[in-house]
Amino acid sequence: MKPLYPLKFKPILKSTLWGGTRLGEVLNKPIGNDENVGESWEVSGVDGNISVVAEGELKGESLVDLINTYEGEFLGHKVFKKFGNQFPLLVKFIDANQDLSIQVHPNDELAKKRHNSFGKTEMWYVVDSEKGATLISGFNKQTNKEEYLEYFNSGKLLEILNRVEVDNDDVFYLPSGRVHTIGKGLLIAEIQQTSDITYRIYDFDRVDKDGNSRELHVEQALDAIDFNYYDDIKTPYDRIAKESILADCNYFITNRLVIKEPVFRNYQANDSFAILMVLEGSGKLWSNDIQYDFNLGDTYLIPASFDGVEIIPETGLKLLEIYLPY
C-alpha cells in the first residue's frame, strides 16, 4: 500500500440558480467563466459526488477507494466500525449571490425510514458577508403545524421566520428540523452530515433558464420541521482566542484556530480523521518532513493514523478544524 499523507481533493463545483463568482474570486476555486457557481464540495462521500485526490502519490484515488484500502488507518478505527465505507461528513463552501430556498432537513430516524440515508445536522461559518446580509434560522415565535400551514397557505410564511443580520465570522448551528436559508451576499463554510436530502418549502417563485420552477416538498417537510422557537440561534464564542470550540455535537466537532506562530496540532487521541479548511491567510502544513502549501480556500484531510501536523503561518492563518467525537 502507498503511504498516506495530508490529502487535498479536487473541488466538486455546483452551478446553481442562486450562485455567483466569489468561490473563484475569494477562495480561488477553478470556476472558469461560470457566473453561477453556488457550492464547492471540498470533501464528499455522497453517491454520484465522490471526492477524488488532487495531488501526490494517491492522485486520482476516490474517497471510497481510500476507505476501502486503509479502513481505520484512514477514518479512525471507531469511525470505521460505525460507518464502514460511508464517509460521515460533507464539507463545502457556499456562495449565495441570491437567497437560497427556504428548506428543512430530516433527522436520522425520518431520513432512514424514507430514504435509507443519514439525516442532516449542519453548521455554518460566515467567511464573508456583504453589508446588510441576512439569513433565516427557525421561527420568530413558538408555533405549531396548524399555524404554520395557515401562514404558508396565505403566502405569509416569511412573517413567522427568524431572519437575522449576519457579520463575518458569525457561526450558526442548525440541527435537523430547523427551517433555514442562507441569504444573498453570504460566503459560508458548511459542515454537515453526509446527506443530500433537502425538503424545499419555498423558493421565492423563481424559475430556471428554461422557465421551470424547482420542485417543492411541502408535505414531506411537515413531519421534519421543528416548530419550536429558539432565541440562541447565533453561536457565541471567544473571537479573540487562538482556539475556540464552535460546535460539539454527536456528528462533528468544529474548532476555529487563529494561528500567528508555528503550532503542532496533536490528533493522537482523537481516533478520527481531521479536516482543515483555510478561511484566511496562508502558510505551510508540515507532516513527516514534507511541506504542503496552505492557502486561503484550501481544504486538507489528515488521516486518522497521523499523530498530528505542524502548521506554520506566513500571513496570519484562520482555520476550521473538524473531526468526529468517537
C-alpha atoms as a PDB file:
ATOM      1  CA  MET A   1       0.000   0.000   0.000  1.00  0.00           C
ATOM      2  CA  LYS A   2       1.120   3.533  -0.704  1.00  0.00           C
ATOM      3  CA  PRO A   3       1.698   5.642   2.410  1.00  0.00           C
ATOM      4  CA  LEU A   4      -0.991   8.091   3.461  1.00  0.00           C
ATOM      5  CA  TYR A   5      -0.339  11.844   3.696  1.00  0.00           C
ATOM      6  CA  PRO A   6      -2.409  15.039   4.161  1.00  0.00           C
ATOM      7  CA  LEU A   7      -4.880  14.876   1.284  1.00  0.00           C
ATOM      8  CA  LYS A   8      -6.311  17.631  -0.837  1.00  0.00           C
ATOM      9  CA  PHE A   9      -9.264  16.749  -3.072  1.00  0.00           C
ATOM     10  CA  LYS A  10     -10.486  18.204  -6.338  1.00  0.00           C
ATOM     11  CA  PRO A  11     -13.342  20.594  -5.558  1.00  0.00           C
ATOM     12  CA  ILE A  12     -16.726  19.452  -6.859  1.00  0.00           C
ATOM     13  CA  LEU A  13     -18.301  22.641  -8.189  1.00  0.00           C
ATOM     14  CA  LYS A  14     -22.066  23.097  -8.353  1.00  0.00           C
ATOM     15  CA  SER A  15     -23.731  25.606 -10.675  1.00  0.00           C
ATOM     16  CA  THR A  16     -26.983  26.876  -9.123  1.00  0.00           C
ATOM     17  CA  LEU A  17     -29.774  29.380  -9.671  1.00  0.00           C
ATOM     18  CA  TRP A  18     -28.519  31.431  -6.749  1.00  0.00           C
ATOM     19  CA  GLY A  19     -24.730  31.086  -7.148  1.00  0.00           C
ATOM     20  CA  GLY A  20     -22.149  33.689  -8.101  1.00  0.00           C
ATOM     21  CA  THR A  21     -18.409  34.125  -8.679  1.00  0.00           C
ATOM     22  CA  ARG A  22     -16.900  34.582  -5.213  1.00  0.00           C
ATOM     23  CA  LEU A  23     -15.823  30.961  -4.867  1.00  0.00           C
ATOM     24  CA  GLY A  24     -13.341  31.800  -7.585  1.00  0.00           C
ATOM     25  CA  GLU A  25     -12.645  35.449  -6.720  1.00  0.00           C
ATOM     26  CA  VAL A  26     -12.238  34.977  -2.964  1.00  0.00           C
ATOM     27  CA  LEU A  27     -11.426  31.290  -2.410  1.00  0.00           C
ATOM     28  CA  ASN A  28      -9.504  30.560  -5.631  1.00  0.00           C
ATOM     29  CA  LYS A  29     -11.750  27.759  -6.882  1.00  0.00           C
ATOM     30  CA  PRO A  30     -11.442  26.914 -10.622  1.00  0.00           C
ATOM     31  CA  ILE A  31     -14.880  28.175 -11.656  1.00  0.00           C
ATOM     32  CA  GLY A  32     -13.840  29.300 -15.153  1.00  0.00           C
ATOM     33  CA  ASN A  33     -16.427  31.518 -16.851  1.00  0.00           C
ATOM     34  CA  ASP A  34     -19.383  30.176 -14.882  1.00  0.00           C
ATOM     35  CA  GLU A  35     -21.044  33.098 -13.104  1.00  0.00           C
ATOM     36  CA  ASN A  36     -23.467  30.939 -11.110  1.00  0.00           C
ATOM     37  CA  VAL A  37     -21.290  28.626  -9.026  1.00  0.00           C
ATOM     38  CA  GLY A  38     -23.060  28.190  -5.707  1.00  0.00           C
ATOM     39  CA  GLU A  39     -21.122  25.390  -3.999  1.00  0.00           C
ATOM     40  CA  SER A  40     -17.677  23.848  -3.829  1.00  0.00           C
ATOM     41  CA  TRP A  41     -17.849  20.400  -2.240  1.00  0.00           C
ATOM     42  CA  GLU A  42     -14.435  20.053  -0.630  1.00  0.00           C
ATOM     43  CA  VAL A  43     -14.740  16.549   0.856  1.00  0.00           C
ATOM     44  CA  SER A  44     -17.716  14.438  -0.184  1.00  0.00           C
ATOM     45  CA  GLY A  45     -18.795  10.826   0.063  1.00  0.00           C
ATOM     46  CA  VAL A  46     -22.257  11.489  -1.394  1.00  0.00           C
ATOM     47  CA  ASP A  47     -23.189   8.964  -4.099  1.00  0.00           C
ATOM     48  CA  GLY A  48     -22.505  10.454  -7.526  1.00  0.00           C
ATOM     49  CA  ASN A  49     -20.289  13.139  -5.973  1.00  0.00           C
ATOM     50  CA  ILE A  50     -17.341  11.239  -4.521  1.00  0.00           C
ATOM     51  CA  SER A  51     -14.216  13.305  -3.887  1.00  0.00           C
ATOM     52  CA  VAL A  52     -11.027  12.426  -5.780  1.00  0.00           C
ATOM     53  CA  VAL A  53      -7.477  13.115  -4.557  1.00  0.00           C
ATOM     54  CA  ALA A  54      -5.956  16.097  -6.380  1.00  0.00           C
ATOM     55  CA  GLU A  55      -2.214  15.573  -5.893  1.00  0.00           C
ATOM     56  CA  GLY A  56       0.565  13.319  -4.680  1.00  0.00           C
ATOM     57  CA  GLU A  57       1.067   9.557  -4.993  1.00  0.00           C
ATOM     58  CA  LEU A  58      -2.626   8.873  -4.410  1.00  0.00           C
ATOM     59  CA  LYS A  59      -3.784  11.348  -7.072  1.00  0.00           C
ATOM     60  CA  GLY A  60      -6.924  10.050  -8.805  1.00  0.00           C
ATOM     61  CA  GLU A  61      -7.935   7.773  -5.922  1.00  0.00           C
ATOM     62  CA  SER A  62     -11.504   8.309  -4.714  1.00  0.00           C
ATOM     63  CA  LEU A  63     -12.538   8.820  -1.115  1.00  0.00           C
ATOM     64  CA  VAL A  64     -14.287   5.433  -1.178  1.00  0.00           C
ATOM     65  CA  ASP A  65     -11.137   3.779  -2.565  1.00  0.00           C
ATOM     66  CA  LEU A  66      -9.144   5.212   0.339  1.00  0.00           C
ATOM     67  CA  ILE A  67     -11.627   3.998   2.943  1.00  0.00           C
ATOM     68  CA  ASN A  68     -11.777   0.508   1.429  1.00  0.00           C
ATOM     69  CA  THR A  69      -7.989   0.281   1.317  1.00  0.00           C
ATOM     70  CA  TYR A  70      -6.949   1.871   4.602  1.00  0.00           C
ATOM     71  CA  GLU A  71     -10.100   1.461   6.742  1.00  0.00           C
ATOM     72  CA  GLY A  72      -9.429   2.591  10.323  1.00  0.00           C
ATOM     73  CA  GLU A  73      -5.996   3.962   9.457  1.00  0.00           C
ATOM     74  CA  PHE A  74      -7.784   6.499   7.294  1.00  0.00           C
ATOM     75  CA  LEU A  75     -11.083   7.170   9.089  1.00  0.00           C
ATOM     76  CA  GLY A  76     -10.227   6.186  12.654  1.00  0.00           C
ATOM     77  CA  HIS A  77     -10.993   2.713  13.993  1.00  0.00           C
ATOM     78  CA  LYS A  78     -14.133   3.705  15.884  1.00  0.00           C
ATOM     79  CA  VAL A  79     -15.350   5.770  12.943  1.00  0.00           C
ATOM     80  CA  PHE A  80     -14.783   2.902  10.517  1.00  0.00           C
ATOM     81  CA  LYS A  81     -16.556   0.465  12.825  1.00  0.00           C
ATOM     82  CA  LYS A  82     -19.622   2.739  12.902  1.00  0.00           C
ATOM     83  CA  PHE A  83     -19.749   3.968   9.286  1.00  0.00           C
ATOM     84  CA  GLY A  84     -17.894   1.366   7.231  1.00  0.00           C
ATOM     85  CA  ASN A  85     -17.096   2.742   3.769  1.00  0.00           C
ATOM     86  CA  GLN A  86     -19.605   5.614   4.092  1.00  0.00           C
ATOM     87  CA  PHE A  87     -17.722   8.840   4.756  1.00  0.00           C
ATOM     88  CA  PRO A  88     -19.705  10.561   7.538  1.00  0.00           C
ATOM     89  CA  LEU A  89     -19.283  14.260   6.681  1.00  0.00           C
ATOM     90  CA  LEU A  90     -19.827  16.594   3.748  1.00  0.00           C
ATOM     91  CA  VAL A  91     -17.723  19.764   3.864  1.00  0.00           C
ATOM     92  CA  LYS A  92     -18.328  22.612   1.445  1.00  0.00           C
ATOM     93  CA  PHE A  93     -18.082  26.325   0.695  1.00  0.00           C
ATOM     94  CA  ILE A  94     -21.263  28.155  -0.388  1.00  0.00           C
ATOM     95  CA  ASP A  95     -21.613  31.440  -2.310  1.00  0.00           C
ATOM     96  CA  ALA A  96     -25.113  32.915  -2.100  1.00  0.00           C
ATOM     97  CA  ASN A  97     -25.459  35.551  -4.811  1.00  0.00           C
ATOM     98  CA  GLN A  98     -29.212  35.322  -4.161  1.00  0.00           C
ATOM     99  CA  ASP A  99     -31.258  33.907  -1.287  1.00  0.00           C
ATOM    100  CA  LEU A 100     -31.291  30.118  -1.219  1.00  0.00           C
ATOM    101  CA  SER A 101     -34.655  28.379  -0.991  1.00  0.00           C
ATOM    102  CA  ILE A 102     -36.329  28.060   2.408  1.00  0.00           C
ATOM    103  CA  GLN A 103     -35.790  24.451   3.395  1.00  0.00           C
ATOM    104  CA  VAL A 104     -35.529  21.857   6.131  1.00  0.00           C
ATOM    105  CA  HIS A 105     -33.673  18.560   6.552  1.00  0.00           C
ATOM    106  CA  PRO A 106     -34.969  15.375   8.211  1.00  0.00           C
ATOM    107  CA  ASN A 107     -33.429  13.803  11.286  1.00  0.00           C
ATOM    108  CA  ASP A 108     -31.710  10.415  11.232  1.00  0.00           C
ATOM    109  CA  GLU A 109     -34.870   8.458  12.020  1.00  0.00           C
ATOM    110  CA  LEU A 110     -37.023  10.050   9.315  1.00  0.00           C
ATOM    111  CA  ALA A 111     -34.219  10.023   6.741  1.00  0.00           C
ATOM    112  CA  LYS A 112     -33.557   6.332   7.386  1.00  0.00           C
ATOM    113  CA  LYS A 113     -37.264   5.492   7.057  1.00  0.00           C
ATOM    114  CA  ARG A 114     -37.871   7.491   3.880  1.00  0.00           C
ATOM    115  CA  HIS A 115     -34.534   7.490   2.072  1.00  0.00           C
ATOM    116  CA  ASN A 116     -32.291   4.907   3.767  1.00  0.00           C
ATOM    117  CA  SER A 117     -29.958   7.820   4.474  1.00  0.00           C
ATOM    118  CA  PHE A 118     -28.444   9.820   7.291  1.00  0.00           C
ATOM    119  CA  GLY A 119     -30.302  12.885   8.454  1.00  0.00           C
ATOM    120  CA  LYS A 120     -28.734  16.299   8.111  1.00  0.00           C
ATOM    121  CA  THR A 121     -27.475  18.370  11.005  1.00  0.00           C
ATOM    122  CA  GLU A 122     -25.144  21.134   9.881  1.00  0.00           C
ATOM    123  CA  MET A 123     -23.302  24.286  10.892  1.00  0.00           C
ATOM    124  CA  TRP A 124     -22.348  27.474   9.059  1.00  0.00           C
ATOM    125  CA  TYR A 125     -19.313  29.691   9.465  1.00  0.00           C
ATOM    126  CA  VAL A 126     -19.606  33.068   7.728  1.00  0.00           C
ATOM    127  CA  VAL A 127     -16.402  33.609   5.754  1.00  0.00           C
ATOM    128  CA  ASP A 128     -17.531  36.887   4.196  1.00  0.00           C
ATOM    129  CA  SER A 129     -20.725  38.926   4.236  1.00  0.00           C
ATOM    130  CA  GLU A 130     -21.990  41.916   2.327  1.00  0.00           C
ATOM    131  CA  LYS A 131     -23.368  44.787   4.389  1.00  0.00           C
ATOM    132  CA  GLY A 132     -26.943  44.075   5.456  1.00  0.00           C
ATOM    133  CA  ALA A 133     -26.799  40.385   4.541  1.00  0.00           C
ATOM    134  CA  THR A 134     -29.219  38.140   6.431  1.00  0.00           C
ATOM    135  CA  LEU A 135     -30.142  34.519   6.923  1.00  0.00           C
ATOM    136  CA  ILE A 136     -33.111  32.610   8.315  1.00  0.00           C
ATOM    137  CA  SER A 137     -32.882  30.098  11.154  1.00  0.00           C
ATOM    138  CA  GLY A 138     -36.086  28.780  12.670  1.00  0.00           C
ATOM    139  CA  PHE A 139     -39.187  30.698  13.727  1.00  0.00           C
ATOM    140  CA  ASN A 140     -39.511  34.098  15.401  1.00  0.00           C
ATOM    141  CA  LYS A 141     -42.112  32.750  17.830  1.00  0.00           C
ATOM    142  CA  GLN A 142     -43.387  29.472  19.168  1.00  0.00           C
ATOM    143  CA  THR A 143     -45.694  27.899  16.598  1.00  0.00           C
ATOM    144  CA  ASN A 144     -47.230  24.572  15.566  1.00  0.00           C
ATOM    145  CA  LYS A 145     -48.149  22.686  12.415  1.00  0.00           C
ATOM    146  CA  GLU A 146     -51.626  24.210  12.143  1.00  0.00           C
ATOM    147  CA  GLU A 147     -50.467  27.823  12.498  1.00  0.00           C
ATOM    148  CA  TYR A 148     -47.533  27.195  10.188  1.00  0.00           C
ATOM    149  CA  LEU A 149     -49.896  25.941   7.480  1.00  0.00           C
ATOM    150  CA  GLU A 150     -52.144  28.985   7.912  1.00  0.00           C
ATOM    151  CA  TYR A 151     -49.214  31.308   7.253  1.00  0.00           C
ATOM    152  CA  PHE A 152     -47.881  29.124   4.457  1.00  0.00           C
ATOM    153  CA  ASN A 153     -51.198  28.800   2.614  1.00  0.00           C
ATOM    154  CA  SER A 154     -51.862  32.540   2.863  1.00  0.00           C
ATOM    155  CA  GLY A 155     -48.450  33.392   1.368  1.00  0.00           C
ATOM    156  CA  LYS A 156     -47.200  34.905   4.626  1.00  0.00           C
ATOM    157  CA  LEU A 157     -44.678  32.280   5.722  1.00  0.00           C
ATOM    158  CA  LEU A 158     -41.834  34.813   5.881  1.00  0.00           C
ATOM    159  CA  GLU A 159     -43.681  36.670   8.639  1.00  0.00           C
ATOM    160  CA  ILE A 160     -43.036  33.921  11.203  1.00  0.00           C
ATOM    161  CA  LEU A 161     -39.479  33.011  10.202  1.00  0.00           C
ATOM    162  CA  ASN A 162     -36.499  34.245  12.189  1.00  0.00           C
ATOM    163  CA  ARG A 163     -34.394  36.420   9.871  1.00  0.00           C
ATOM    164  CA  VAL A 164     -31.237  37.917  11.385  1.00  0.00           C
ATOM    165  CA  GLU A 165     -28.454  40.182  10.138  1.00  0.00           C
ATOM    166  CA  VAL A 166     -25.098  38.486   9.704  1.00  0.00           C
ATOM    167  CA  ASP A 167     -21.480  39.592  10.109  1.00  0.00           C
ATOM    168  CA  ASN A 168     -18.150  37.999   9.177  1.00  0.00           C
ATOM    169  CA  ASP A 169     -17.131  35.152  11.495  1.00  0.00           C
ATOM    170  CA  ASP A 170     -20.660  34.528  12.765  1.00  0.00           C
ATOM    171  CA  VAL A 171     -21.490  30.885  13.480  1.00  0.00           C
ATOM    172  CA  PHE A 172     -24.838  29.120  13.260  1.00  0.00           C
ATOM    173  CA  TYR A 173     -25.611  25.571  14.349  1.00  0.00           C
ATOM    174  CA  LEU A 174     -28.599  24.038  12.552  1.00  0.00           C
ATOM    175  CA  PRO A 175     -29.858  20.728  13.903  1.00  0.00           C
ATOM    176  CA  SER A 176     -32.076  18.658  11.641  1.00  0.00           C
ATOM    177  CA  GLY A 177     -35.617  20.010  11.674  1.00  0.00           C
ATOM    178  CA  ARG A 178     -34.580  23.687  11.725  1.00  0.00           C
ATOM    179  CA  VAL A 179     -36.187  25.671   8.882  1.00  0.00           C
ATOM    180  CA  HIS A 180     -33.483  27.828   7.311  1.00  0.00           C
ATOM    181  CA  THR A 181     -31.985  29.619   4.354  1.00  0.00           C
ATOM    182  CA  ILE A 182     -28.720  31.356   3.530  1.00  0.00           C
ATOM    183  CA  GLY A 183     -29.334  34.923   2.388  1.00  0.00           C
ATOM    184  CA  LYS A 184     -27.941  36.911  -0.508  1.00  0.00           C
ATOM    185  CA  GLY A 185     -24.419  38.219  -0.040  1.00  0.00           C
ATOM    186  CA  LEU A 186     -23.044  35.464   2.178  1.00  0.00           C
ATOM    187  CA  LEU A 187     -19.977  33.307   1.621  1.00  0.00           C
ATOM    188  CA  ILE A 188     -20.131  30.391   4.027  1.00  0.00           C
ATOM    189  CA  ALA A 189     -18.237  27.280   5.091  1.00  0.00           C
ATOM    190  CA  GLU A 190     -20.676  24.449   5.828  1.00  0.00           C
ATOM    191  CA  ILE A 191     -20.021  21.256   7.790  1.00  0.00           C
ATOM    192  CA  GLN A 192     -22.794  18.661   7.731  1.00  0.00           C
ATOM    193  CA  GLN A 193     -23.663  15.007   7.967  1.00  0.00           C
ATOM    194  CA  THR A 194     -23.274  13.117   4.718  1.00  0.00           C
ATOM    195  CA  SER A 195     -26.699  13.666   3.221  1.00  0.00           C
ATOM    196  CA  ASP A 196     -28.071  15.410   0.169  1.00  0.00           C
ATOM    197  CA  ILE A 197     -31.694  15.283   1.346  1.00  0.00           C
ATOM    198  CA  THR A 198     -33.394  18.659   1.336  1.00  0.00           C
ATOM    199  CA  TYR A 199     -37.100  19.393   1.667  1.00  0.00           C
ATOM    200  CA  ARG A 200     -37.613  22.647  -0.205  1.00  0.00           C
ATOM    201  CA  ILE A 201     -40.507  24.616   1.303  1.00  0.00           C
ATOM    202  CA  TYR A 202     -40.490  27.883  -0.659  1.00  0.00           C
ATOM    203  CA  ASP A 203     -38.270  29.157  -3.481  1.00  0.00           C
ATOM    204  CA  PHE A 204     -39.432  32.785  -3.877  1.00  0.00           C
ATOM    205  CA  ASP A 205     -41.351  31.820  -7.048  1.00  0.00           C
ATOM    206  CA  ARG A 206     -38.124  31.526  -9.050  1.00  0.00           C
ATOM    207  CA  VAL A 207     -37.757  29.685 -12.353  1.00  0.00           C
ATOM    208  CA  ASP A 208     -34.680  28.307 -14.104  1.00  0.00           C
ATOM    209  CA  LYS A 209     -33.350  29.333 -17.516  1.00  0.00           C
ATOM    210  CA  ASP A 210     -35.994  27.119 -19.140  1.00  0.00           C
ATOM    211  CA  GLY A 211     -38.817  28.730 -17.198  1.00  0.00           C
ATOM    212  CA  ASN A 212     -39.331  25.794 -14.840  1.00  0.00           C
ATOM    213  CA  SER A 213     -39.926  26.096 -11.119  1.00  0.00           C
ATOM    214  CA  ARG A 214     -37.911  23.880  -8.802  1.00  0.00           C
ATOM    215  CA  GLU A 215     -39.747  21.090  -7.049  1.00  0.00           C
ATOM    216  CA  LEU A 216     -41.164  21.861  -3.617  1.00  0.00           C
ATOM    217  CA  HIS A 217     -41.589  19.302  -0.828  1.00  0.00           C
ATOM    218  CA  VAL A 218     -44.301  20.927   1.253  1.00  0.00           C
ATOM    219  CA  GLU A 219     -45.963  17.751   2.537  1.00  0.00           C
ATOM    220  CA  GLN A 220     -42.709  15.864   3.169  1.00  0.00           C
ATOM    221  CA  ALA A 221     -41.394  18.802   5.188  1.00  0.00           C
ATOM    222  CA  LEU A 222     -44.256  18.812   7.691  1.00  0.00           C
ATOM    223  CA  ASP A 223     -43.017  15.721   9.534  1.00  0.00           C
ATOM    224  CA  ALA A 224     -39.456  17.054   9.586  1.00  0.00           C
ATOM    225  CA  ILE A 225     -39.987  20.602  10.904  1.00  0.00           C
ATOM    226  CA  ASP A 226     -39.190  21.600  14.485  1.00  0.00           C
ATOM    227  CA  PHE A 227     -41.847  24.249  15.255  1.00  0.00           C
ATOM    228  CA  ASN A 228     -40.226  25.464  18.474  1.00  0.00           C
ATOM    229  CA  TYR A 229     -38.801  28.959  18.980  1.00  0.00           C
ATOM    230  CA  TYR A 230     -35.105  29.350  19.863  1.00  0.00           C
ATOM    231  CA  ASP A 231     -33.567  32.629  20.967  1.00  0.00           C
ATOM    232  CA  ASP A 232     -29.929  31.448  20.765  1.00  0.00           C
ATOM    233  CA  ILE A 233     -29.532  30.751  17.059  1.00  0.00           C
ATOM    234  CA  LYS A 234     -26.169  32.546  16.755  1.00  0.00           C
ATOM    235  CA  THR A 235     -23.396  30.540  18.417  1.00  0.00           C
ATOM    236  CA  PRO A 236     -21.363  32.570  20.945  1.00  0.00           C
ATOM    237  CA  TYR A 237     -17.613  32.003  21.086  1.00  0.00           C
ATOM    238  CA  ASP A 238     -14.413  33.810  22.009  1.00  0.00           C
ATOM    239  CA  ARG A 239     -13.442  35.657  18.831  1.00  0.00           C
ATOM    240  CA  ILE A 240     -10.066  36.713  20.215  1.00  0.00           C
ATOM    241  CA  ALA A 241      -8.897  33.296  21.409  1.00  0.00           C
ATOM    242  CA  LYS A 242      -6.328  31.275  19.483  1.00  0.00           C
ATOM    243  CA  GLU A 243      -8.659  28.274  19.685  1.00  0.00           C
ATOM    244  CA  SER A 244     -12.447  28.263  20.070  1.00  0.00           C
ATOM    245  CA  ILE A 245     -14.961  25.411  20.009  1.00  0.00           C
ATOM    246  CA  LEU A 246     -17.742  26.287  17.565  1.00  0.00           C
ATOM    247  CA  ALA A 247     -19.701  23.027  17.546  1.00  0.00           C
ATOM    248  CA  ASP A 248     -19.581  19.874  19.652  1.00  0.00           C
ATOM    249  CA  CYS A 249     -22.413  17.516  18.748  1.00  0.00           C
ATOM    250  CA  ASN A 250     -22.958  13.824  18.039  1.00  0.00           C
ATOM    251  CA  TYR A 251     -21.913  14.281  14.402  1.00  0.00           C
ATOM    252  CA  PHE A 252     -18.849  16.539  14.422  1.00  0.00           C
ATOM    253  CA  ILE A 253     -16.605  18.761  16.499  1.00  0.00           C
ATOM    254  CA  THR A 254     -15.535  22.037  14.886  1.00  0.00           C
ATOM    255  CA  ASN A 255     -12.858  24.363  16.247  1.00  0.00           C
ATOM    256  CA  ARG A 256     -11.718  27.733  14.966  1.00  0.00           C
ATOM    257  CA  LEU A 257      -7.948  28.229  15.039  1.00  0.00           C
ATOM    258  CA  VAL A 258      -6.209  31.600  14.730  1.00  0.00           C
ATOM    259  CA  ILE A 259      -2.528  30.897  14.072  1.00  0.00           C
ATOM    260  CA  LYS A 260       0.109  33.621  14.191  1.00  0.00           C
ATOM    261  CA  GLU A 261       3.120  31.450  15.041  1.00  0.00           C
ATOM    262  CA  PRO A 262       4.074  27.819  14.339  1.00  0.00           C
ATOM    263  CA  VAL A 263       1.899  25.288  16.144  1.00  0.00           C
ATOM    264  CA  PHE A 264       1.620  21.495  16.296  1.00  0.00           C
ATOM    265  CA  ARG A 265      -1.931  20.144  16.276  1.00  0.00           C
ATOM    266  CA  ASN A 266      -1.975  16.812  18.091  1.00  0.00           C
ATOM    267  CA  TYR A 267      -4.604  14.325  16.851  1.00  0.00           C
ATOM    268  CA  GLN A 268      -3.218  11.201  18.530  1.00  0.00           C
ATOM    269  CA  ALA A 269      -6.094  10.798  20.993  1.00  0.00           C
ATOM    270  CA  ASN A 270      -8.938  11.514  18.565  1.00  0.00           C
ATOM    271  CA  ASP A 271      -9.130   8.202  16.658  1.00  0.00           C
ATOM    272  CA  SER A 272     -10.639  10.229  13.822  1.00  0.00           C
ATOM    273  CA  PHE A 273      -9.553  11.859  10.601  1.00  0.00           C
ATOM    274  CA  ALA A 274      -9.316  15.663  10.788  1.00  0.00           C
ATOM    275  CA  ILE A 275     -10.275  18.240   8.175  1.00  0.00           C
ATOM    276  CA  LEU A 276      -8.622  21.665   7.981  1.00  0.00           C
ATOM    277  CA  MET A 277     -10.263  24.488   5.999  1.00  0.00           C
ATOM    278  CA  VAL A 278      -8.316  27.724   5.424  1.00  0.00           C
ATOM    279  CA  LEU A 279     -10.561  30.763   5.922  1.00  0.00           C
ATOM    280  CA  GLU A 280      -7.893  33.447   5.925  1.00  0.00           C
ATOM    281  CA  GLY A 281      -4.172  33.857   5.280  1.00  0.00           C
ATOM    282  CA  SER A 282      -1.527  31.452   4.035  1.00  0.00           C
ATOM    283  CA  GLY A 283       1.233  29.228   5.333  1.00  0.00           C
ATOM    284  CA  LYS A 284       2.691  25.746   5.248  1.00  0.00           C
ATOM    285  CA  LEU A 285       1.475  22.392   6.513  1.00  0.00           C
ATOM    286  CA  TRP A 286       4.260  20.054   7.662  1.00  0.00           C
ATOM    287  CA  SER A 287       3.878  16.315   8.065  1.00  0.00           C
ATOM    288  CA  ASN A 288       6.593  13.621   8.120  1.00  0.00           C
ATOM    289  CA  ASP A 289       9.148  16.212   6.943  1.00  0.00           C
ATOM    290  CA  ILE A 290       7.064  17.024   3.863  1.00  0.00           C
ATOM    291  CA  GLN A 291       5.759  20.526   3.275  1.00  0.00           C
ATOM    292  CA  TYR A 292       2.381  21.424   1.740  1.00  0.00           C
ATOM    293  CA  ASP A 293       1.098  24.820   0.639  1.00  0.00           C
ATOM    294  CA  PHE A 294      -1.713  26.024   2.864  1.00  0.00           C
ATOM    295  CA  ASN A 295      -3.623  28.908   1.286  1.00  0.00           C
ATOM    296  CA  LEU A 296      -6.977  30.647   1.521  1.00  0.00           C
ATOM    297  CA  GLY A 297      -9.707  28.276   0.327  1.00  0.00           C
ATOM    298  CA  ASP A 298      -7.625  25.106   0.736  1.00  0.00           C
ATOM    299  CA  THR A 299      -9.097  22.072   2.474  1.00  0.00           C
ATOM    300  CA  TYR A 300      -6.939  19.181   3.681  1.00  0.00           C
ATOM    301  CA  LEU A 301      -7.917  15.848   5.216  1.00  0.00           C
ATOM    302  CA  ILE A 302      -5.462  14.479   7.773  1.00  0.00           C
ATOM    303  CA  PRO A 303      -5.745  10.657   8.038  1.00  0.00           C
ATOM    304  CA  ALA A 304      -6.502   9.254  11.483  1.00  0.00           C
ATOM    305  CA  SER A 305      -3.191   7.380  11.682  1.00  0.00           C
ATOM    306  CA  PHE A 306      -1.279  10.681  11.897  1.00  0.00           C
ATOM    307  CA  ASP A 307      -0.264  11.903  15.345  1.00  0.00           C
ATOM    308  CA  GLY A 308      -0.788  15.452  14.102  1.00  0.00           C
ATOM    309  CA  VAL A 309       0.569  18.153  11.826  1.00  0.00           C
ATOM    310  CA  GLU A 310       2.647  21.287  12.213  1.00  0.00           C
ATOM    311  CA  ILE A 311       1.152  24.494  10.825  1.00  0.00           C
ATOM    312  CA  ILE A 312       3.475  27.405  10.020  1.00  0.00           C
ATOM    313  CA  PRO A 313       1.796  30.705   9.098  1.00  0.00           C
ATOM    314  CA  GLU A 314       3.272  33.063   6.523  1.00  0.00           C
ATOM    315  CA  THR A 315       0.470  35.548   6.986  1.00  0.00           C
ATOM    316  CA  GLY A 316      -1.993  35.170   9.851  1.00  0.00           C
ATOM    317  CA  LEU A 317      -3.968  31.955   9.375  1.00  0.00           C
ATOM    318  CA  LYS A 318      -7.583  31.360  10.333  1.00  0.00           C
ATOM    319  CA  LEU A 319      -8.791  27.762  10.060  1.00  0.00           C
ATOM    320  CA  LEU A 320     -11.674  25.474  10.778  1.00  0.00           C
ATOM    321  CA  GLU A 321     -10.616  22.144  12.274  1.00  0.00           C
ATOM    322  CA  ILE A 322     -13.195  19.342  12.088  1.00  0.00           C
ATOM    323  CA  TYR A 323     -13.203  15.789  13.430  1.00  0.00           C
ATOM    324  CA  LEU A 324     -15.621  13.218  14.824  1.00  0.00           C
ATOM    325  CA  PRO A 325     -16.419  12.741  18.525  1.00  0.00           C
ATOM    326  CA  TYR A 326     -15.913   8.967  18.657  1.00  0.00           C
END
